[in-house]
């Protein structure tokens, strides 16, 4: 029922944009599901980099690529971990 959006007024924030998720402690996480905005292509990810960290520093890249411009969920799996934080850029 909600979505994340970068600043767009009074000035648009320039890429790269990132979203960090702190899980509070290392957790068994093996992937991420990104659900694009369903009502508009505005704001959908194209190229992405996904990183994980055990403590909020020393980030490890677990995936990079380009998602299809669709309203369907996109999934990335990885074997690194267990992460405390996940960063999507």
PDB file of N, CA and C in Angstrom:
ATOM      1  N   UNK A   1       0.815  -1.188   0.000  1.00  0.00           N
ATOM      2  CA  UNK A   1       0.000   0.000   0.000  1.00  0.00           C
ATOM      3  C   UNK A   1       0.861   1.255   0.000  1.00  0.00           C
ATOM      4  N   UNK A   2       2.186   1.094  -0.105  1.00  0.00           N
ATOM      5  CA  UNK A   2       3.080   2.249  -0.112  1.00  0.00           C
ATOM      6  C   UNK A   2       4.253   1.962  -1.039  1.00  0.00           C
ATOM      7  N   UNK A   3       4.997   3.001  -1.385  1.00  0.00           N
ATOM      8  CA  UNK A   3       6.199   2.790  -2.165  1.00  0.00           C
ATOM      9  C   UNK A   3       7.233   3.838  -1.802  1.00  0.00           C
ATOM     10  N   UNK A   4       8.489   3.545  -2.131  1.00  0.00           N
ATOM     11  CA  UNK A   4       9.608   4.434  -1.852  1.00  0.00           C
ATOM     12  C   UNK A   4       9.843   5.299  -3.080  1.00  0.00           C
ATOM     13  N   UNK A   5      10.140   6.573  -2.876  1.00  0.00           N
ATOM     14  CA  UNK A   5      10.355   7.493  -3.988  1.00  0.00           C
ATOM     15  C   UNK A   5      11.450   8.484  -3.598  1.00  0.00           C
ATOM     16  N   UNK A   6      12.309   8.826  -4.541  1.00  0.00           N
ATOM     17  CA  UNK A   6      13.332   9.842  -4.279  1.00  0.00           C
ATOM     18  C   UNK A   6      12.687  11.223  -4.279  1.00  0.00           C
ATOM     19  N   UNK A   7      13.437  12.199  -3.805  1.00  0.00           N
ATOM     20  CA  UNK A   7      12.953  13.588  -3.822  1.00  0.00           C
ATOM     21  C   UNK A   7      12.748  14.035  -5.270  1.00  0.00           C
ATOM     22  N   UNK A   8      11.644  14.723  -5.530  1.00  0.00           N
ATOM     23  CA  UNK A   8      11.384  15.207  -6.883  1.00  0.00           C
ATOM     24  C   UNK A   8      11.004  16.686  -6.923  1.00  0.00           C
ATOM     25  N   UNK A   9      10.813  17.296  -5.770  1.00  0.00           N
ATOM     26  CA  UNK A   9      10.496  18.733  -5.752  1.00  0.00           C
ATOM     27  C   UNK A   9      11.103  19.326  -4.484  1.00  0.00           C
ATOM     28  N   UNK A  10      11.679  20.477  -4.524  1.00  0.00           N
ATOM     29  CA  UNK A  10      11.720  21.406  -5.645  1.00  0.00           C
ATOM     30  C   UNK A  10      12.732  21.011  -6.721  1.00  0.00           C
ATOM     31  N   UNK A  11      13.676  20.120  -6.418  1.00  0.00           N
ATOM     32  CA  UNK A  11      14.631  19.631  -7.416  1.00  0.00           C
ATOM     33  C   UNK A  11      14.660  18.114  -7.374  1.00  0.00           C
ATOM     34  N   UNK A  12      14.850  17.498  -8.531  1.00  0.00           N
ATOM     35  CA  UNK A  12      14.940  16.043  -8.594  1.00  0.00           C
ATOM     36  C   UNK A  12      16.296  15.579  -8.080  1.00  0.00           C
ATOM     37  N   UNK A  13      16.283  14.569  -7.238  1.00  0.00           N
ATOM     38  CA  UNK A  13      17.529  13.970  -6.764  1.00  0.00           C
ATOM     39  C   UNK A  13      18.187  13.224  -7.924  1.00  0.00           C
ATOM     40  N   UNK A  14      19.488  13.379  -8.056  1.00  0.00           N
ATOM     41  CA  UNK A  14      20.207  12.749  -9.161  1.00  0.00           C
ATOM     42  C   UNK A  14      20.717  11.366  -8.757  1.00  0.00           C
ATOM     43  N   UNK A  15      20.712  10.412  -9.690  1.00  0.00           N
ATOM     44  CA  UNK A  15      21.213   9.070  -9.413  1.00  0.00           C
ATOM     45  C   UNK A  15      22.704   9.110  -9.099  1.00  0.00           C
ATOM     46  N   UNK A  16      23.244   8.101  -8.469  1.00  0.00           N
ATOM     47  CA  UNK A  16      22.529   6.876  -8.104  1.00  0.00           C
ATOM     48  C   UNK A  16      21.698   7.052  -6.832  1.00  0.00           C
ATOM     49  N   UNK A  17      20.623   6.325  -6.756  1.00  0.00           N
ATOM     50  CA  UNK A  17      19.758   6.309  -5.578  1.00  0.00           C
ATOM     51  C   UNK A  17      19.983   4.978  -4.869  1.00  0.00           C
ATOM     52  N   UNK A  18      19.856   4.975  -3.556  1.00  0.00           N
ATOM     53  CA  UNK A  18      20.027   3.707  -2.844  1.00  0.00           C
ATOM     54  C   UNK A  18      19.028   3.603  -1.701  1.00  0.00           C
ATOM     55  N   UNK A  19      18.728   2.388  -1.375  1.00  0.00           N
ATOM     56  CA  UNK A  19      17.828   2.064  -0.284  1.00  0.00           C
ATOM     57  C   UNK A  19      18.527   1.024   0.575  1.00  0.00           C
ATOM     58  N   UNK A  20      18.750   1.346   1.863  1.00  0.00           N
ATOM     59  CA  UNK A  20      19.399   0.415   2.784  1.00  0.00           C
ATOM     60  C   UNK A  20      18.381  -0.107   3.780  1.00  0.00           C
ATOM     61  N   UNK A  21      18.407  -1.404   3.992  1.00  0.00           N
ATOM     62  CA  UNK A  21      17.503  -2.059   4.933  1.00  0.00           C
ATOM     63  C   UNK A  21      18.343  -2.664   6.045  1.00  0.00           C
ATOM     64  N   UNK A  22      18.140  -2.189   7.279  1.00  0.00           N
ATOM     65  CA  UNK A  22      18.844  -2.717   8.451  1.00  0.00           C
ATOM     66  C   UNK A  22      17.927  -3.754   9.087  1.00  0.00           C
ATOM     67  N   UNK A  23      18.381  -4.992   9.119  1.00  0.00           N
ATOM     68  CA  UNK A  23      17.588  -6.095   9.661  1.00  0.00           C
ATOM     69  C   UNK A  23      17.727  -6.230  11.177  1.00  0.00           C
ATOM     70  N   UNK A  24      18.542  -5.351  11.802  1.00  0.00           N
ATOM     71  CA  UNK A  24      18.677  -5.354  13.251  1.00  0.00           C
ATOM     72  C   UNK A  24      19.752  -6.277  13.781  1.00  0.00           C
ATOM     73  N   UNK A  25      19.984  -7.365  13.106  1.00  0.00           N
ATOM     74  CA  UNK A  25      21.034  -8.331  13.436  1.00  0.00           C
ATOM     75  C   UNK A  25      21.227  -9.220  12.213  1.00  0.00           C
ATOM     76  N   UNK A  26      22.336  -9.950  12.120  1.00  0.00           N
ATOM     77  CA  UNK A  26      22.506 -10.851  10.981  1.00  0.00           C
ATOM     78  C   UNK A  26      21.350 -11.853  10.899  1.00  0.00           C
ATOM     79  N   UNK A  27      20.825 -12.001   9.712  1.00  0.00           N
ATOM     80  CA  UNK A  27      19.666 -12.879   9.490  1.00  0.00           C
ATOM     81  C   UNK A  27      19.945 -13.774   8.285  1.00  0.00           C
ATOM     82  N   UNK A  28      19.281 -14.899   8.271  1.00  0.00           N
ATOM     83  CA  UNK A  28      19.365 -15.782   7.122  1.00  0.00           C
ATOM     84  C   UNK A  28      18.459 -15.229   6.029  1.00  0.00           C
ATOM     85  N   UNK A  29      19.090 -14.552   5.073  1.00  0.00           N
ATOM     86  CA  UNK A  29      18.380 -13.950   3.946  1.00  0.00           C
ATOM     87  C   UNK A  29      19.103 -14.421   2.689  1.00  0.00           C
ATOM     88  N   UNK A  30      18.379 -14.965   1.742  1.00  0.00           N
ATOM     89  CA  UNK A  30      19.017 -15.497   0.537  1.00  0.00           C
ATOM     90  C   UNK A  30      18.554 -14.806  -0.738  1.00  0.00           C
ATOM     91  N   UNK A  31      17.785 -13.731  -0.591  1.00  0.00           N
ATOM     92  CA  UNK A  31      17.359 -13.055  -1.794  1.00  0.00           C
ATOM     93  C   UNK A  31      16.504 -11.837  -1.510  1.00  0.00           C
ATOM     94  N   UNK A  32      16.144 -11.158  -2.598  1.00  0.00           N
ATOM     95  CA  UNK A  32      15.335  -9.965  -2.520  1.00  0.00           C
ATOM     96  C   UNK A  32      14.295 -10.012  -3.638  1.00  0.00           C
ATOM     97  N   UNK A  33      13.080  -9.653  -3.311  1.00  0.00           N
ATOM     98  CA  UNK A  33      12.029  -9.529  -4.318  1.00  0.00           C
ATOM     99  C   UNK A  33      11.683  -8.050  -4.423  1.00  0.00           C
ATOM    100  N   UNK A  34      11.840  -7.518  -5.616  1.00  0.00           N
ATOM    101  CA  UNK A  34      11.517  -6.120  -5.909  1.00  0.00           C
ATOM    102  C   UNK A  34      10.204  -6.105  -6.675  1.00  0.00           C
ATOM    103  N   UNK A  35       9.208  -5.433  -6.124  1.00  0.00           N
ATOM    104  CA  UNK A  35       7.916  -5.302  -6.791  1.00  0.00           C
ATOM    105  C   UNK A  35       7.823  -3.891  -7.354  1.00  0.00           C
ATOM    106  N   UNK A  36       7.914  -3.745  -8.680  1.00  0.00           N
ATOM    107  CA  UNK A  36       7.872  -2.421  -9.294  1.00  0.00           C
ATOM    108  C   UNK A  36       6.522  -1.731  -9.099  1.00  0.00           C
ATOM    109  N   UNK A  37       6.574  -0.437  -9.205  1.00  0.00           N
ATOM    110  CA  UNK A  37       5.362   0.374  -9.135  1.00  0.00           C
ATOM    111  C   UNK A  37       4.385  -0.107 -10.217  1.00  0.00           C
ATOM    112  N   UNK A  38       3.168  -0.500  -9.834  1.00  0.00           N
ATOM    113  CA  UNK A  38       2.251  -1.100 -10.808  1.00  0.00           C
ATOM    114  C   UNK A  38       1.502  -0.102 -11.685  1.00  0.00           C
ATOM    115  N   UNK A  39       1.348   1.132 -11.232  1.00  0.00           N
ATOM    116  CA  UNK A  39       0.494   2.070 -11.957  1.00  0.00           C
ATOM    117  C   UNK A  39       1.247   2.999 -12.904  1.00  0.00           C
ATOM    118  N   UNK A  40       2.583   2.879 -12.968  1.00  0.00           N
ATOM    119  CA  UNK A  40       3.361   3.782 -13.810  1.00  0.00           C
ATOM    120  C   UNK A  40       4.791   3.275 -13.938  1.00  0.00           C
ATOM    121  N   UNK A  41       5.406   3.450 -15.106  1.00  0.00           N
ATOM    122  CA  UNK A  41       6.821   3.089 -15.231  1.00  0.00           C
ATOM    123  C   UNK A  41       7.735   4.099 -14.532  1.00  0.00           C
ATOM    124  N   UNK A  42       7.203   5.255 -14.128  1.00  0.00           N
ATOM    125  CA  UNK A  42       7.975   6.273 -13.433  1.00  0.00           C
ATOM    126  C   UNK A  42       8.515   5.706 -12.117  1.00  0.00           C
ATOM    127  N   UNK A  43       9.833   5.751 -11.957  1.00  0.00           N
ATOM    128  CA  UNK A  43      10.443   5.310 -10.714  1.00  0.00           C
ATOM    129  C   UNK A  43      10.862   3.857 -10.668  1.00  0.00           C
ATOM    130  N   UNK A  44      10.611   3.105 -11.716  1.00  0.00           N
ATOM    131  CA  UNK A  44      11.046   1.702 -11.704  1.00  0.00           C
ATOM    132  C   UNK A  44      12.556   1.625 -11.859  1.00  0.00           C
ATOM    133  N   UNK A  45      13.153   0.638 -11.190  1.00  0.00           N
ATOM    134  CA  UNK A  45      14.585   0.394 -11.323  1.00  0.00           C
ATOM    135  C   UNK A  45      14.885  -0.104 -12.728  1.00  0.00           C
ATOM    136  N   UNK A  46      16.016   0.296 -13.262  1.00  0.00           N
ATOM    137  CA  UNK A  46      16.552  -0.254 -14.499  1.00  0.00           C
ATOM    138  C   UNK A  46      17.781  -1.038 -14.092  1.00  0.00           C
ATOM    139  N   UNK A  47      18.952  -0.383 -14.226  1.00  0.00           N
ATOM    140  CA  UNK A  47      20.178  -1.000 -13.754  1.00  0.00           C
ATOM    141  C   UNK A  47      20.220  -0.978 -12.234  1.00  0.00           C
ATOM    142  N   UNK A  48      20.740  -2.018 -11.639  1.00  0.00           N
ATOM    143  CA  UNK A  48      20.790  -2.107 -10.176  1.00  0.00           C
ATOM    144  C   UNK A  48      22.080  -2.759  -9.721  1.00  0.00           C
ATOM    145  N   UNK A  49      22.419  -2.516  -8.458  1.00  0.00           N
ATOM    146  CA  UNK A  49      23.492  -3.221  -7.750  1.00  0.00           C
ATOM    147  C   UNK A  49      22.937  -3.568  -6.385  1.00  0.00           C
ATOM    148  N   UNK A  50      23.114  -4.793  -5.960  1.00  0.00           N
ATOM    149  CA  UNK A  50      22.635  -5.268  -4.668  1.00  0.00           C
ATOM    150  C   UNK A  50      23.840  -5.685  -3.846  1.00  0.00           C
ATOM    151  N   UNK A  51      23.916  -5.126  -2.610  1.00  0.00           N
ATOM    152  CA  UNK A  51      25.041  -5.409  -1.717  1.00  0.00           C
ATOM    153  C   UNK A  51      24.519  -5.820  -0.349  1.00  0.00           C
ATOM    154  N   UNK A  52      25.321  -6.585   0.376  1.00  0.00           N
ATOM    155  CA  UNK A  52      24.984  -6.972   1.748  1.00  0.00           C
ATOM    156  C   UNK A  52      26.171  -6.667   2.658  1.00  0.00           C
ATOM    157  N   UNK A  53      25.865  -6.500   3.952  1.00  0.00           N
ATOM    158  CA  UNK A  53      26.893  -6.219   4.948  1.00  0.00           C
ATOM    159  C   UNK A  53      26.508  -6.894   6.256  1.00  0.00           C
ATOM    160  N   UNK A  54      27.521  -7.361   6.967  1.00  0.00           N
ATOM    161  CA  UNK A  54      27.265  -7.951   8.280  1.00  0.00           C
ATOM    162  C   UNK A  54      27.167  -6.889   9.361  1.00  0.00           C
ATOM    163  N   UNK A  55      27.655  -5.649   9.093  1.00  0.00           N
ATOM    164  CA  UNK A  55      27.685  -4.629  10.146  1.00  0.00           C
ATOM    165  C   UNK A  55      27.465  -3.205   9.639  1.00  0.00           C
ATOM    166  N   UNK A  56      27.059  -3.016   8.392  1.00  0.00           N
ATOM    167  CA  UNK A  56      26.833  -1.672   7.878  1.00  0.00           C
ATOM    168  C   UNK A  56      28.039  -1.051   7.218  1.00  0.00           C
ATOM    169  N   UNK A  57      29.099  -1.799   7.106  1.00  0.00           N
ATOM    170  CA  UNK A  57      30.299  -1.375   6.388  1.00  0.00           C
ATOM    171  C   UNK A  57      30.904  -2.622   5.774  1.00  0.00           C
ATOM    172  N   UNK A  58      31.943  -2.471   4.972  1.00  0.00           N
ATOM    173  CA  UNK A  58      32.505  -3.608   4.244  1.00  0.00           C
ATOM    174  C   UNK A  58      31.409  -4.323   3.452  1.00  0.00           C
ATOM    175  N   UNK A  59      30.812  -3.598   2.510  1.00  0.00           N
ATOM    176  CA  UNK A  59      29.732  -4.131   1.693  1.00  0.00           C
ATOM    177  C   UNK A  59      30.261  -5.129   0.674  1.00  0.00           C
ATOM    178  N   UNK A  60      29.479  -6.190   0.430  1.00  0.00           N
ATOM    179  CA  UNK A  60      29.803  -7.214  -0.550  1.00  0.00           C
ATOM    180  C   UNK A  60      28.745  -7.192  -1.641  1.00  0.00           C
ATOM    181  N   UNK A  61      29.169  -6.988  -2.873  1.00  0.00           N
ATOM    182  CA  UNK A  61      28.226  -7.022  -3.989  1.00  0.00           C
ATOM    183  C   UNK A  61      27.775  -8.461  -4.225  1.00  0.00           C
ATOM    184  N   UNK A  62      26.468  -8.672  -4.263  1.00  0.00           N
ATOM    185  CA  UNK A  62      25.935 -10.018  -4.483  1.00  0.00           C
ATOM    186  C   UNK A  62      25.235 -10.153  -5.821  1.00  0.00           C
ATOM    187  N   UNK A  63      24.892  -9.027  -6.441  1.00  0.00           N
ATOM    188  CA  UNK A  63      24.255  -9.089  -7.759  1.00  0.00           C
ATOM    189  C   UNK A  63      24.281  -7.707  -8.396  1.00  0.00           C
ATOM    190  N   UNK A  64      24.370  -7.692  -9.708  1.00  0.00           N
ATOM    191  CA  UNK A  64      24.265  -6.464 -10.484  1.00  0.00           C
ATOM    192  C   UNK A  64      23.633  -6.823 -11.819  1.00  0.00           C
ATOM    193  N   UNK A  65      22.906  -5.891 -12.392  1.00  0.00           N
ATOM    194  CA  UNK A  65      22.274  -6.184 -13.666  1.00  0.00           C
ATOM    195  C   UNK A  65      21.240  -5.143 -14.031  1.00  0.00           C
ATOM    196  N   UNK A  66      20.326  -5.521 -14.910  1.00  0.00           N
ATOM    197  CA  UNK A  66      19.250  -4.655 -15.366  1.00  0.00           C
ATOM    198  C   UNK A  66      17.943  -5.413 -15.282  1.00  0.00           C
ATOM    199  N   UNK A  67      16.977  -4.801 -14.624  1.00  0.00           N
ATOM    200  CA  UNK A  67      15.655  -5.405 -14.551  1.00  0.00           C
ATOM    201  C   UNK A  67      14.809  -4.956 -15.740  1.00  0.00           C
ATOM    202  N   UNK A  68      13.881  -5.798 -16.129  1.00  0.00           N
ATOM    203  CA  UNK A  68      12.946  -5.500 -17.201  1.00  0.00           C
ATOM    204  C   UNK A  68      11.958  -4.433 -16.747  1.00  0.00           C
ATOM    205  N   UNK A  69      11.592  -3.515 -17.625  1.00  0.00           N
ATOM    206  CA  UNK A  69      10.612  -2.475 -17.307  1.00  0.00           C
ATOM    207  C   UNK A  69       9.219  -3.098 -17.362  1.00  0.00           C
ATOM    208  N   UNK A  70       8.807  -3.651 -16.225  1.00  0.00           N
ATOM    209  CA  UNK A  70       7.532  -4.339 -16.102  1.00  0.00           C
ATOM    210  C   UNK A  70       6.956  -4.082 -14.724  1.00  0.00           C
ATOM    211  N   UNK A  71       5.680  -4.357 -14.569  1.00  0.00           N
ATOM    212  CA  UNK A  71       5.088  -4.223 -13.235  1.00  0.00           C
ATOM    213  C   UNK A  71       5.133  -5.546 -12.473  1.00  0.00           C
ATOM    214  N   UNK A  72       5.775  -6.548 -13.035  1.00  0.00           N
ATOM    215  CA  UNK A  72       5.882  -7.858 -12.390  1.00  0.00           C
ATOM    216  C   UNK A  72       7.085  -7.902 -11.446  1.00  0.00           C
ATOM    217  N   UNK A  73       6.971  -8.653 -10.349  1.00  0.00           N
ATOM    218  CA  UNK A  73       8.088  -8.752  -9.402  1.00  0.00           C
ATOM    219  C   UNK A  73       9.366  -9.274 -10.057  1.00  0.00           C
ATOM    220  N   UNK A  74      10.493  -8.782  -9.575  1.00  0.00           N
ATOM    221  CA  UNK A  74      11.822  -9.205 -10.012  1.00  0.00           C
ATOM    222  C   UNK A  74      12.501  -9.824  -8.787  1.00  0.00           C
ATOM    223  N   UNK A  75      13.218 -10.919  -8.972  1.00  0.00           N
ATOM    224  CA  UNK A  75      13.819 -11.632  -7.849  1.00  0.00           C
ATOM    225  C   UNK A  75      15.318 -11.799  -8.073  1.00  0.00           C
ATOM    226  N   UNK A  76      16.092 -11.571  -7.003  1.00  0.00           N
ATOM    227  CA  UNK A  76      17.531 -11.798  -7.006  1.00  0.00           C
ATOM    228  C   UNK A  76      17.847 -12.700  -5.823  1.00  0.00           C
ATOM    229  N   UNK A  77      18.603 -13.770  -6.067  1.00  0.00           N
ATOM    230  CA  UNK A  77      19.028 -14.676  -4.991  1.00  0.00           C
ATOM    231  C   UNK A  77      20.548 -14.572  -4.855  1.00  0.00           C
ATOM    232  N   UNK A  78      21.058 -14.885  -3.638  1.00  0.00           N
ATOM    233  CA  UNK A  78      22.500 -14.869  -3.408  1.00  0.00           C
ATOM    234  C   UNK A  78      22.861 -15.900  -2.360  1.00  0.00           C
ATOM    235  N   UNK A  79      24.175 -16.146  -2.226  1.00  0.00           N
ATOM    236  CA  UNK A  79      24.664 -17.131  -1.258  1.00  0.00           C
ATOM    237  C   UNK A  79      25.459 -16.492  -0.138  1.00  0.00           C
ATOM    238  N   UNK A  80      25.822 -15.192  -0.244  1.00  0.00           N
ATOM    239  CA  UNK A  80      26.577 -14.506   0.810  1.00  0.00           C
ATOM    240  C   UNK A  80      25.702 -14.321   2.041  1.00  0.00           C
ATOM    241  N   UNK A  81      26.346 -14.266   3.194  1.00  0.00           N
ATOM    242  CA  UNK A  81      25.538 -13.964   4.375  1.00  0.00           C
ATOM    243  C   UNK A  81      26.081 -14.639   5.604  1.00  0.00           C
ATOM    244  N   UNK A  82      25.364 -14.534   6.675  1.00  0.00           N
ATOM    245  CA  UNK A  82      24.066 -13.874   6.811  1.00  0.00           C
ATOM    246  C   UNK A  82      24.222 -12.367   6.979  1.00  0.00           C
ATOM    247  N   UNK A  83      23.511 -11.568   6.179  1.00  0.00           N
ATOM    248  CA  UNK A  83      23.641 -10.131   6.277  1.00  0.00           C
ATOM    249  C   UNK A  83      22.851  -9.520   7.414  1.00  0.00           C
ATOM    250  N   UNK A  84      23.342  -8.392   7.909  1.00  0.00           N
ATOM    251  CA  UNK A  84      22.553  -7.556   8.821  1.00  0.00           C
ATOM    252  C   UNK A  84      21.875  -6.456   7.999  1.00  0.00           C
ATOM    253  N   UNK A  85      22.547  -6.011   6.928  1.00  0.00           N
ATOM    254  CA  UNK A  85      22.003  -4.936   6.095  1.00  0.00           C
ATOM    255  C   UNK A  85      22.041  -5.326   4.626  1.00  0.00           C
ATOM    256  N   UNK A  86      21.058  -4.818   3.906  1.00  0.00           N
ATOM    257  CA  UNK A  86      20.941  -5.030   2.466  1.00  0.00           C
ATOM    258  C   UNK A  86      20.827  -3.649   1.826  1.00  0.00           C
ATOM    259  N   UNK A  87      21.597  -3.426   0.769  1.00  0.00           N
ATOM    260  CA  UNK A  87      21.542  -2.128   0.070  1.00  0.00           C
ATOM    261  C   UNK A  87      21.247  -2.372  -1.413  1.00  0.00           C
ATOM    262  N   UNK A  88      20.214  -1.702  -1.886  1.00  0.00           N
ATOM    263  CA  UNK A  88      19.846  -1.742  -3.284  1.00  0.00           C
ATOM    264  C   UNK A  88      20.130  -0.371  -3.884  1.00  0.00           C
ATOM    265  N   UNK A  89      20.936  -0.336  -4.933  1.00  0.00           N
ATOM    266  CA  UNK A  89      21.278   0.932  -5.585  1.00  0.00           C
ATOM    267  C   UNK A  89      20.873   0.861  -7.034  1.00  0.00           C
TER     268      UNK A  89
END
